[in-house]
Amino acid sequence: MLLYNKALDPFHCYLRISCLISLAEINEIEEDRLRILDFIMANPSHVASMSLGKDLVTARNTFKAFESDYNRFEPRTLFESMRPIQQAVISSMTESGIFVVVEGTRRYKINAVVFRDFFPEEYFFQASIGVESIDWSVLEFIKEYLLGFELLGPKGLKYASKLMEYRYDVI
C-alpha cells in the first residue's frame, strides 16, 4: 500500500512555509524555528506530545484529534527526512529574494515586497478556504504560542519539540 505524506512533498512544504510567513505575519525567523514549525504544520498531532508547560495543556491536547493510524512515524526520523526538502524550499525562497540571509547567522528576514509580488493577498484567501491539507488551527496555535517561545535552551522550542538537540546550543 502506498501512502502520501505531505511532510515529504516539496510543493506542500513551499505552501506551508508561505502560509506560515503570511498568516503568522513573520518578519524574521531562525532556520531551526522555521523547520520545526513546518514540521508541526505537516504533523499537527505532534503538538500533543510537546513539553509546553502546564498552562498550555488544554490547548496542546486538542491536537490529539489529528493522530492517524496511517501516519505513524518516529518524529525525529521524519523531521530529519524532511531536512533536504525544507532546505531546498528555503534555498529557493532565498534565491527568489523572499528570504534575505542575516549576515553571519542562520536567520532570515522576509522581504515583504518580493513576497507580496510572488503571493498576492487573494492567494492566501483562496488557500484559507480551499486547502484542506493545512489545518488553520495549527497556524493559530503557532502564531499565538510558538512564535514567542525561546528557540534555545532547556525551555526552548528545540527542547519542547524533541526534534533537535538543544544541550550544546550557545545561549
N, C-alpha and C. Protein backbone atom coordinates (compact mmCIF):
# COMPACT_ATOMS: atom_id res chain seq x y z
N MET A 1 0.84 -1.17 0.00
CA MET A 1 0.00 0.00 0.00
C MET A 1 0.89 1.24 0.00
N LEU A 2 0.58 2.20 -0.83
CA LEU A 2 1.31 3.45 -0.90
C LEU A 2 0.58 4.52 -0.10
N LEU A 3 1.32 5.29 0.65
CA LEU A 3 0.74 6.38 1.42
C LEU A 3 1.43 7.68 1.02
N TYR A 4 0.64 8.70 0.87
CA TYR A 4 1.17 10.03 0.61
C TYR A 4 1.42 10.71 1.95
N ASN A 5 2.60 11.28 2.09
CA ASN A 5 2.91 12.03 3.29
C ASN A 5 3.25 13.45 2.87
N LYS A 6 2.37 14.38 3.20
CA LYS A 6 2.57 15.76 2.80
C LYS A 6 3.85 16.36 3.38
N ALA A 7 4.35 15.79 4.47
CA ALA A 7 5.59 16.28 5.06
C ALA A 7 6.77 16.14 4.10
N LEU A 8 6.71 15.18 3.21
CA LEU A 8 7.81 14.93 2.28
C LEU A 8 7.56 15.45 0.87
N ASP A 9 6.53 16.26 0.73
CA ASP A 9 6.18 16.85 -0.57
C ASP A 9 6.77 18.26 -0.66
N PRO A 10 7.71 18.51 -1.57
CA PRO A 10 8.33 19.84 -1.64
C PRO A 10 7.34 20.96 -1.99
N PHE A 11 6.34 20.67 -2.79
CA PHE A 11 5.35 21.70 -3.14
C PHE A 11 4.49 22.04 -1.93
N HIS A 12 4.16 21.02 -1.15
CA HIS A 12 3.39 21.27 0.06
C HIS A 12 4.23 22.01 1.08
N CYS A 13 5.52 21.72 1.14
CA CYS A 13 6.42 22.44 2.03
C CYS A 13 6.46 23.93 1.65
N TYR A 14 6.51 24.21 0.37
CA TYR A 14 6.50 25.60 -0.11
C TYR A 14 5.20 26.28 0.32
N LEU A 15 4.09 25.58 0.19
CA LEU A 15 2.79 26.11 0.61
C LEU A 15 2.77 26.36 2.11
N ARG A 16 3.23 25.40 2.90
CA ARG A 16 3.22 25.55 4.36
C ARG A 16 4.05 26.74 4.80
N ILE A 17 5.26 26.86 4.27
CA ILE A 17 6.14 27.95 4.67
C ILE A 17 5.57 29.30 4.23
N SER A 18 5.03 29.37 3.03
CA SER A 18 4.46 30.65 2.58
C SER A 18 3.22 31.02 3.39
N CYS A 19 2.39 30.05 3.76
CA CYS A 19 1.23 30.34 4.61
C CYS A 19 1.68 30.78 6.00
N LEU A 20 2.70 30.13 6.52
CA LEU A 20 3.23 30.49 7.83
C LEU A 20 3.74 31.93 7.83
N ILE A 21 4.48 32.30 6.82
CA ILE A 21 5.03 33.66 6.74
C ILE A 21 3.89 34.67 6.65
N SER A 22 2.92 34.40 5.82
CA SER A 22 1.85 35.36 5.59
C SER A 22 0.89 35.45 6.76
N LEU A 23 0.35 34.33 7.18
CA LEU A 23 -0.72 34.36 8.16
C LEU A 23 -0.21 34.58 9.58
N ALA A 24 1.03 34.22 9.86
CA ALA A 24 1.60 34.49 11.18
C ALA A 24 2.32 35.83 11.21
N GLU A 25 2.35 36.51 10.07
CA GLU A 25 2.94 37.84 9.94
C GLU A 25 4.37 37.88 10.46
N ILE A 26 5.19 36.97 9.95
CA ILE A 26 6.59 36.86 10.36
C ILE A 26 7.44 37.82 9.54
N ASN A 27 8.33 38.54 10.23
CA ASN A 27 9.26 39.44 9.56
C ASN A 27 10.68 38.88 9.52
N GLU A 28 11.02 38.09 10.54
CA GLU A 28 12.35 37.49 10.62
C GLU A 28 12.21 36.18 11.40
N ILE A 29 12.99 35.16 10.97
CA ILE A 29 12.87 33.85 11.61
C ILE A 29 14.18 33.08 11.50
N GLU A 30 14.47 32.28 12.53
CA GLU A 30 15.64 31.42 12.51
C GLU A 30 15.34 30.18 11.68
N GLU A 31 16.37 29.63 11.04
CA GLU A 31 16.18 28.44 10.20
C GLU A 31 15.65 27.26 11.02
N ASP A 32 16.21 27.04 12.21
CA ASP A 32 15.75 25.91 13.03
C ASP A 32 14.29 26.08 13.44
N ARG A 33 13.88 27.29 13.80
CA ARG A 33 12.48 27.54 14.17
C ARG A 33 11.57 27.29 12.96
N LEU A 34 12.00 27.76 11.80
CA LEU A 34 11.21 27.57 10.58
C LEU A 34 11.03 26.09 10.29
N ARG A 35 12.08 25.32 10.42
CA ARG A 35 12.00 23.87 10.17
C ARG A 35 11.07 23.19 11.17
N ILE A 36 11.17 23.55 12.44
CA ILE A 36 10.30 22.95 13.46
C ILE A 36 8.84 23.31 13.22
N LEU A 37 8.58 24.57 12.93
CA LEU A 37 7.20 24.99 12.69
C LEU A 37 6.62 24.35 11.44
N ASP A 38 7.45 24.18 10.41
CA ASP A 38 7.00 23.49 9.21
C ASP A 38 6.64 22.05 9.54
N PHE A 39 7.46 21.39 10.34
CA PHE A 39 7.16 20.03 10.76
C PHE A 39 5.82 19.97 11.50
N ILE A 40 5.60 20.92 12.38
CA ILE A 40 4.35 20.94 13.15
C ILE A 40 3.16 21.18 12.24
N MET A 41 3.31 22.03 11.24
CA MET A 41 2.20 22.26 10.31
C MET A 41 1.88 21.00 9.52
N ALA A 42 2.91 20.24 9.17
CA ALA A 42 2.69 19.00 8.41
C ALA A 42 2.19 17.87 9.31
N ASN A 43 2.49 17.95 10.60
CA ASN A 43 2.13 16.90 11.57
C ASN A 43 1.55 17.53 12.82
N PRO A 44 0.34 18.08 12.76
CA PRO A 44 -0.23 18.78 13.92
C PRO A 44 -0.36 17.91 15.16
N SER A 45 -0.47 16.61 15.00
CA SER A 45 -0.61 15.74 16.17
C SER A 45 0.64 15.77 17.05
N HIS A 46 1.75 16.20 16.50
CA HIS A 46 2.99 16.27 17.29
C HIS A 46 2.88 17.28 18.43
N VAL A 47 2.04 18.28 18.28
CA VAL A 47 1.86 19.29 19.32
C VAL A 47 1.44 18.63 20.64
N ALA A 48 0.62 17.59 20.55
CA ALA A 48 0.11 16.91 21.75
C ALA A 48 1.22 16.27 22.57
N SER A 49 2.36 15.97 21.96
CA SER A 49 3.47 15.33 22.68
C SER A 49 4.57 16.31 23.08
N MET A 50 4.37 17.59 22.82
CA MET A 50 5.40 18.58 23.13
C MET A 50 5.35 18.98 24.61
N SER A 51 6.49 19.36 25.14
CA SER A 51 6.61 19.83 26.52
C SER A 51 6.46 21.34 26.53
N LEU A 52 5.23 21.80 26.65
CA LEU A 52 4.97 23.23 26.52
C LEU A 52 4.61 23.92 27.84
N GLY A 53 4.57 23.17 28.91
CA GLY A 53 4.23 23.77 30.20
C GLY A 53 2.77 23.52 30.56
N LYS A 54 2.49 23.67 31.84
CA LYS A 54 1.15 23.36 32.36
C LYS A 54 0.07 24.29 31.85
N ASP A 55 0.42 25.53 31.58
CA ASP A 55 -0.60 26.48 31.13
C ASP A 55 -1.10 26.21 29.71
N LEU A 56 -0.40 25.36 28.95
CA LEU A 56 -0.82 25.06 27.58
C LEU A 56 -1.33 23.63 27.41
N VAL A 57 -1.57 22.92 28.50
CA VAL A 57 -2.00 21.52 28.41
C VAL A 57 -3.32 21.39 27.64
N THR A 58 -4.29 22.20 27.96
CA THR A 58 -5.59 22.11 27.28
C THR A 58 -5.47 22.42 25.79
N ALA A 59 -4.77 23.50 25.46
CA ALA A 59 -4.58 23.87 24.05
C ALA A 59 -3.79 22.80 23.32
N ARG A 60 -2.79 22.26 23.97
CA ARG A 60 -1.94 21.22 23.37
C ARG A 60 -2.73 19.95 23.10
N ASN A 61 -3.56 19.55 24.04
CA ASN A 61 -4.29 18.29 23.92
C ASN A 61 -5.34 18.29 22.81
N THR A 62 -5.76 19.44 22.34
CA THR A 62 -6.73 19.47 21.24
C THR A 62 -6.15 18.86 19.96
N PHE A 63 -4.83 18.81 19.88
CA PHE A 63 -4.18 18.28 18.68
C PHE A 63 -4.08 16.76 18.67
N LYS A 64 -4.52 16.11 19.73
CA LYS A 64 -4.56 14.64 19.74
C LYS A 64 -5.54 14.13 18.69
N ALA A 65 -6.52 14.95 18.34
CA ALA A 65 -7.52 14.55 17.35
C ALA A 65 -6.91 14.34 15.96
N PHE A 66 -5.71 14.84 15.73
CA PHE A 66 -5.05 14.70 14.42
C PHE A 66 -4.30 13.39 14.27
N GLU A 67 -4.20 12.61 15.33
CA GLU A 67 -3.48 11.34 15.25
C GLU A 67 -4.18 10.40 14.28
N SER A 68 -3.37 9.69 13.50
CA SER A 68 -3.89 8.78 12.49
C SER A 68 -3.10 7.49 12.49
N ASP A 69 -3.78 6.40 12.34
CA ASP A 69 -3.09 5.11 12.26
C ASP A 69 -2.26 4.98 10.99
N TYR A 70 -2.57 5.77 9.99
CA TYR A 70 -1.87 5.67 8.71
C TYR A 70 -0.61 6.52 8.65
N ASN A 71 -0.48 7.45 9.54
CA ASN A 71 0.71 8.32 9.54
C ASN A 71 1.42 8.26 10.87
N ARG A 72 1.89 7.10 11.23
CA ARG A 72 2.65 6.93 12.47
C ARG A 72 4.12 6.78 12.10
N PHE A 73 4.84 7.85 12.35
CA PHE A 73 6.28 7.88 12.07
C PHE A 73 6.99 8.31 13.34
N GLU A 74 8.21 7.86 13.50
CA GLU A 74 9.01 8.34 14.62
C GLU A 74 9.32 9.80 14.29
N PRO A 75 8.92 10.76 15.15
CA PRO A 75 9.01 12.18 14.81
C PRO A 75 10.41 12.66 14.43
N ARG A 76 11.41 12.27 15.17
CA ARG A 76 12.75 12.78 14.89
C ARG A 76 13.28 12.25 13.55
N THR A 77 12.95 11.01 13.24
CA THR A 77 13.37 10.43 11.95
C THR A 77 12.67 11.14 10.79
N LEU A 78 11.38 11.36 10.94
CA LEU A 78 10.64 12.08 9.90
C LEU A 78 11.16 13.51 9.76
N PHE A 79 11.43 14.16 10.88
CA PHE A 79 11.97 15.52 10.85
C PHE A 79 13.28 15.56 10.07
N GLU A 80 14.17 14.60 10.31
CA GLU A 80 15.43 14.56 9.58
C GLU A 80 15.22 14.21 8.10
N SER A 81 14.20 13.41 7.81
CA SER A 81 13.87 13.09 6.41
C SER A 81 13.38 14.32 5.66
N MET A 82 12.78 15.25 6.39
CA MET A 82 12.26 16.47 5.78
C MET A 82 13.36 17.49 5.50
N ARG A 83 14.51 17.35 6.13
CA ARG A 83 15.58 18.35 6.03
C ARG A 83 15.94 18.73 4.59
N PRO A 84 16.24 17.78 3.68
CA PRO A 84 16.63 18.19 2.33
C PRO A 84 15.51 18.94 1.59
N ILE A 85 14.29 18.56 1.85
CA ILE A 85 13.15 19.23 1.20
C ILE A 85 13.02 20.65 1.74
N GLN A 86 13.08 20.78 3.06
CA GLN A 86 12.99 22.11 3.67
C GLN A 86 14.13 23.00 3.22
N GLN A 87 15.34 22.45 3.16
CA GLN A 87 16.48 23.25 2.73
C GLN A 87 16.36 23.67 1.27
N ALA A 88 15.81 22.81 0.44
CA ALA A 88 15.60 23.18 -0.97
C ALA A 88 14.58 24.31 -1.09
N VAL A 89 13.51 24.24 -0.31
CA VAL A 89 12.49 25.29 -0.35
C VAL A 89 13.05 26.60 0.20
N ILE A 90 13.79 26.53 1.30
CA ILE A 90 14.42 27.73 1.86
C ILE A 90 15.40 28.33 0.87
N SER A 91 16.18 27.48 0.23
CA SER A 91 17.13 27.95 -0.78
C SER A 91 16.41 28.61 -1.95
N SER A 92 15.32 28.01 -2.39
CA SER A 92 14.52 28.58 -3.48
C SER A 92 13.96 29.94 -3.10
N MET A 93 13.47 30.04 -1.87
CA MET A 93 12.91 31.32 -1.42
C MET A 93 14.01 32.37 -1.23
N THR A 94 15.21 31.93 -0.90
CA THR A 94 16.34 32.85 -0.79
C THR A 94 16.76 33.33 -2.18
N GLU A 95 16.85 32.40 -3.12
CA GLU A 95 17.22 32.77 -4.49
C GLU A 95 16.21 33.72 -5.14
N SER A 96 14.94 33.54 -4.81
CA SER A 96 13.90 34.40 -5.39
C SER A 96 13.80 35.74 -4.68
N GLY A 97 14.52 35.90 -3.56
CA GLY A 97 14.52 37.18 -2.86
C GLY A 97 13.48 37.29 -1.75
N ILE A 98 12.70 36.25 -1.52
CA ILE A 98 11.72 36.28 -0.44
C ILE A 98 12.44 36.28 0.91
N PHE A 99 13.44 35.42 1.05
CA PHE A 99 14.26 35.38 2.25
C PHE A 99 15.55 36.14 1.98
N VAL A 100 15.97 36.90 2.96
CA VAL A 100 17.26 37.58 2.91
C VAL A 100 18.05 37.09 4.12
N VAL A 101 19.20 36.48 3.86
CA VAL A 101 20.01 35.92 4.94
C VAL A 101 20.59 37.05 5.78
N VAL A 102 20.42 36.95 7.09
CA VAL A 102 21.05 37.89 8.02
C VAL A 102 22.51 37.48 8.12
N GLU A 103 23.38 38.38 7.77
CA GLU A 103 24.82 38.10 7.67
C GLU A 103 25.36 37.41 8.91
N GLY A 104 26.05 36.30 8.69
CA GLY A 104 26.73 35.59 9.77
C GLY A 104 25.82 34.78 10.68
N THR A 105 24.56 34.59 10.30
CA THR A 105 23.62 33.84 11.14
C THR A 105 22.86 32.83 10.30
N ARG A 106 22.04 32.06 10.96
CA ARG A 106 21.11 31.17 10.26
C ARG A 106 19.70 31.71 10.45
N ARG A 107 19.56 33.00 10.25
CA ARG A 107 18.28 33.71 10.35
C ARG A 107 17.95 34.30 8.98
N TYR A 108 16.66 34.49 8.76
CA TYR A 108 16.20 35.07 7.50
C TYR A 108 15.25 36.22 7.79
N LYS A 109 15.46 37.30 7.06
CA LYS A 109 14.47 38.38 7.05
C LYS A 109 13.57 38.12 5.87
N ILE A 110 12.30 38.43 6.03
CA ILE A 110 11.35 38.24 4.95
C ILE A 110 11.21 39.57 4.21
N ASN A 111 11.46 39.54 2.90
CA ASN A 111 11.30 40.71 2.06
C ASN A 111 9.83 40.78 1.67
N ALA A 112 9.07 41.60 2.37
CA ALA A 112 7.62 41.66 2.21
C ALA A 112 7.20 42.07 0.81
N VAL A 113 7.97 42.95 0.19
CA VAL A 113 7.62 43.42 -1.16
C VAL A 113 7.71 42.26 -2.15
N VAL A 114 8.83 41.55 -2.13
CA VAL A 114 9.00 40.42 -3.04
C VAL A 114 7.98 39.33 -2.72
N PHE A 115 7.75 39.09 -1.42
CA PHE A 115 6.80 38.07 -1.01
C PHE A 115 5.40 38.37 -1.56
N ARG A 116 4.96 39.62 -1.46
CA ARG A 116 3.63 40.02 -1.97
C ARG A 116 3.57 39.96 -3.50
N ASP A 117 4.71 40.16 -4.16
CA ASP A 117 4.74 40.01 -5.62
C ASP A 117 4.53 38.55 -6.01
N PHE A 118 5.16 37.64 -5.26
CA PHE A 118 5.02 36.21 -5.53
C PHE A 118 3.64 35.70 -5.13
N PHE A 119 3.15 36.18 -4.00
CA PHE A 119 1.90 35.67 -3.43
C PHE A 119 0.96 36.82 -3.12
N PRO A 120 0.11 37.19 -4.07
CA PRO A 120 -0.85 38.25 -3.78
C PRO A 120 -1.82 37.82 -2.67
N GLU A 121 -2.48 38.79 -2.07
CA GLU A 121 -3.39 38.54 -0.94
C GLU A 121 -4.48 37.52 -1.29
N GLU A 122 -4.95 37.53 -2.53
CA GLU A 122 -6.01 36.58 -2.94
C GLU A 122 -5.54 35.14 -2.82
N TYR A 123 -4.25 34.91 -3.01
CA TYR A 123 -3.69 33.56 -2.91
C TYR A 123 -3.97 32.98 -1.53
N PHE A 124 -3.72 33.76 -0.49
CA PHE A 124 -3.91 33.26 0.86
C PHE A 124 -5.39 33.19 1.23
N PHE A 125 -6.20 34.07 0.65
CA PHE A 125 -7.63 33.95 0.89
C PHE A 125 -8.15 32.65 0.27
N GLN A 126 -7.75 32.37 -0.97
CA GLN A 126 -8.15 31.13 -1.62
C GLN A 126 -7.60 29.92 -0.87
N ALA A 127 -6.35 30.03 -0.42
CA ALA A 127 -5.74 28.92 0.31
C ALA A 127 -6.49 28.67 1.62
N SER A 128 -6.90 29.73 2.29
CA SER A 128 -7.56 29.55 3.59
C SER A 128 -8.93 28.90 3.46
N ILE A 129 -9.58 29.05 2.31
CA ILE A 129 -10.89 28.41 2.17
C ILE A 129 -10.84 27.12 1.36
N GLY A 130 -9.72 26.88 0.66
CA GLY A 130 -9.69 25.73 -0.23
C GLY A 130 -8.66 24.66 0.06
N VAL A 131 -7.72 24.91 0.94
CA VAL A 131 -6.67 23.94 1.21
C VAL A 131 -7.03 23.16 2.47
N GLU A 132 -7.36 21.92 2.28
CA GLU A 132 -7.72 21.09 3.42
C GLU A 132 -6.50 20.41 4.03
N SER A 133 -5.37 20.46 3.36
CA SER A 133 -4.18 19.78 3.85
C SER A 133 -3.43 20.59 4.91
N ILE A 134 -3.84 21.84 5.11
CA ILE A 134 -3.28 22.66 6.19
C ILE A 134 -4.42 22.98 7.14
N ASP A 135 -4.25 22.62 8.39
CA ASP A 135 -5.27 22.95 9.37
C ASP A 135 -4.96 24.34 9.93
N TRP A 136 -5.92 25.23 9.83
CA TRP A 136 -5.69 26.62 10.21
C TRP A 136 -5.60 26.78 11.72
N SER A 137 -6.12 25.81 12.48
CA SER A 137 -6.00 25.90 13.94
C SER A 137 -4.54 25.74 14.37
N VAL A 138 -3.77 24.95 13.63
CA VAL A 138 -2.35 24.81 13.97
C VAL A 138 -1.60 26.10 13.67
N LEU A 139 -1.99 26.81 12.62
CA LEU A 139 -1.38 28.11 12.34
C LEU A 139 -1.69 29.10 13.45
N GLU A 140 -2.92 29.09 13.93
CA GLU A 140 -3.30 29.98 15.03
C GLU A 140 -2.52 29.63 16.29
N PHE A 141 -2.36 28.34 16.57
CA PHE A 141 -1.60 27.89 17.73
C PHE A 141 -0.15 28.35 17.62
N ILE A 142 0.44 28.20 16.45
CA ILE A 142 1.81 28.64 16.22
C ILE A 142 1.92 30.15 16.44
N LYS A 143 1.00 30.88 15.85
CA LYS A 143 1.04 32.34 15.96
C LYS A 143 0.88 32.79 17.41
N GLU A 144 -0.04 32.16 18.13
CA GLU A 144 -0.33 32.60 19.49
C GLU A 144 0.72 32.15 20.51
N TYR A 145 1.25 30.93 20.35
CA TYR A 145 2.11 30.38 21.39
C TYR A 145 3.56 30.13 20.96
N LEU A 146 3.78 29.55 19.81
CA LEU A 146 5.12 29.06 19.48
C LEU A 146 6.06 30.11 18.92
N LEU A 147 5.54 31.14 18.28
CA LEU A 147 6.44 32.17 17.75
C LEU A 147 7.13 32.94 18.86
N GLY A 148 6.50 33.06 20.01
CA GLY A 148 7.08 33.77 21.14
C GLY A 148 7.97 32.91 22.01
N PHE A 149 7.97 31.60 21.77
CA PHE A 149 8.79 30.67 22.53
C PHE A 149 10.26 30.92 22.24
N GLU A 150 11.11 30.86 23.25
CA GLU A 150 12.55 30.88 23.00
C GLU A 150 12.88 29.68 22.12
N LEU A 151 13.91 29.78 21.32
CA LEU A 151 14.31 28.66 20.47
C LEU A 151 15.29 27.75 21.20
N LEU A 152 16.22 28.34 21.92
CA LEU A 152 17.33 27.59 22.52
C LEU A 152 17.12 27.35 24.01
N GLY A 153 17.87 26.38 24.52
CA GLY A 153 17.89 26.14 25.95
C GLY A 153 16.86 25.13 26.41
N PRO A 154 16.89 24.83 27.72
CA PRO A 154 16.02 23.79 28.28
C PRO A 154 14.53 24.17 28.33
N LYS A 155 14.20 25.40 28.05
CA LYS A 155 12.80 25.80 27.99
C LYS A 155 12.43 26.30 26.60
N GLY A 156 13.28 25.98 25.63
CA GLY A 156 13.09 26.47 24.28
C GLY A 156 12.32 25.52 23.38
N LEU A 157 12.05 25.97 22.18
CA LEU A 157 11.27 25.21 21.21
C LEU A 157 11.97 23.93 20.77
N LYS A 158 13.30 23.98 20.66
CA LYS A 158 14.03 22.77 20.28
C LYS A 158 13.83 21.67 21.34
N TYR A 159 13.92 22.05 22.60
CA TYR A 159 13.70 21.10 23.69
C TYR A 159 12.23 20.64 23.72
N ALA A 160 11.32 21.58 23.64
CA ALA A 160 9.89 21.26 23.75
C ALA A 160 9.43 20.33 22.64
N SER A 161 9.95 20.52 21.44
CA SER A 161 9.52 19.70 20.31
C SER A 161 10.17 18.32 20.29
N LYS A 162 11.33 18.21 20.94
CA LYS A 162 12.11 16.96 20.97
C LYS A 162 12.57 16.55 19.57
N LEU A 163 12.69 17.51 18.67
CA LEU A 163 13.09 17.22 17.30
C LEU A 163 14.56 17.50 17.02
N MET A 164 15.16 18.36 17.83
CA MET A 164 16.54 18.76 17.61
C MET A 164 17.29 18.74 18.93
N GLU A 165 18.60 18.56 18.83
CA GLU A 165 19.44 18.62 20.00
C GLU A 165 19.50 20.07 20.48
N TYR A 166 19.42 20.28 21.77
CA TYR A 166 19.44 21.63 22.31
C TYR A 166 20.56 21.83 23.35
N ARG A 167 21.11 20.76 23.88
CA ARG A 167 22.04 20.86 25.01
C ARG A 167 23.33 21.58 24.67
N TYR A 168 23.72 21.60 23.42
CA TYR A 168 25.01 22.20 23.06
C TYR A 168 24.86 23.57 22.41
N ASP A 169 23.66 24.10 22.42
CA ASP A 169 23.43 25.43 21.87
C ASP A 169 24.05 26.49 22.76
N VAL A 170 24.60 27.50 22.14
CA VAL A 170 25.14 28.64 22.89
C VAL A 170 23.98 29.61 23.10
N ILE A 171 23.71 29.88 24.35
CA ILE A 171 22.57 30.77 24.66
C ILE A 171 23.06 32.17 24.90
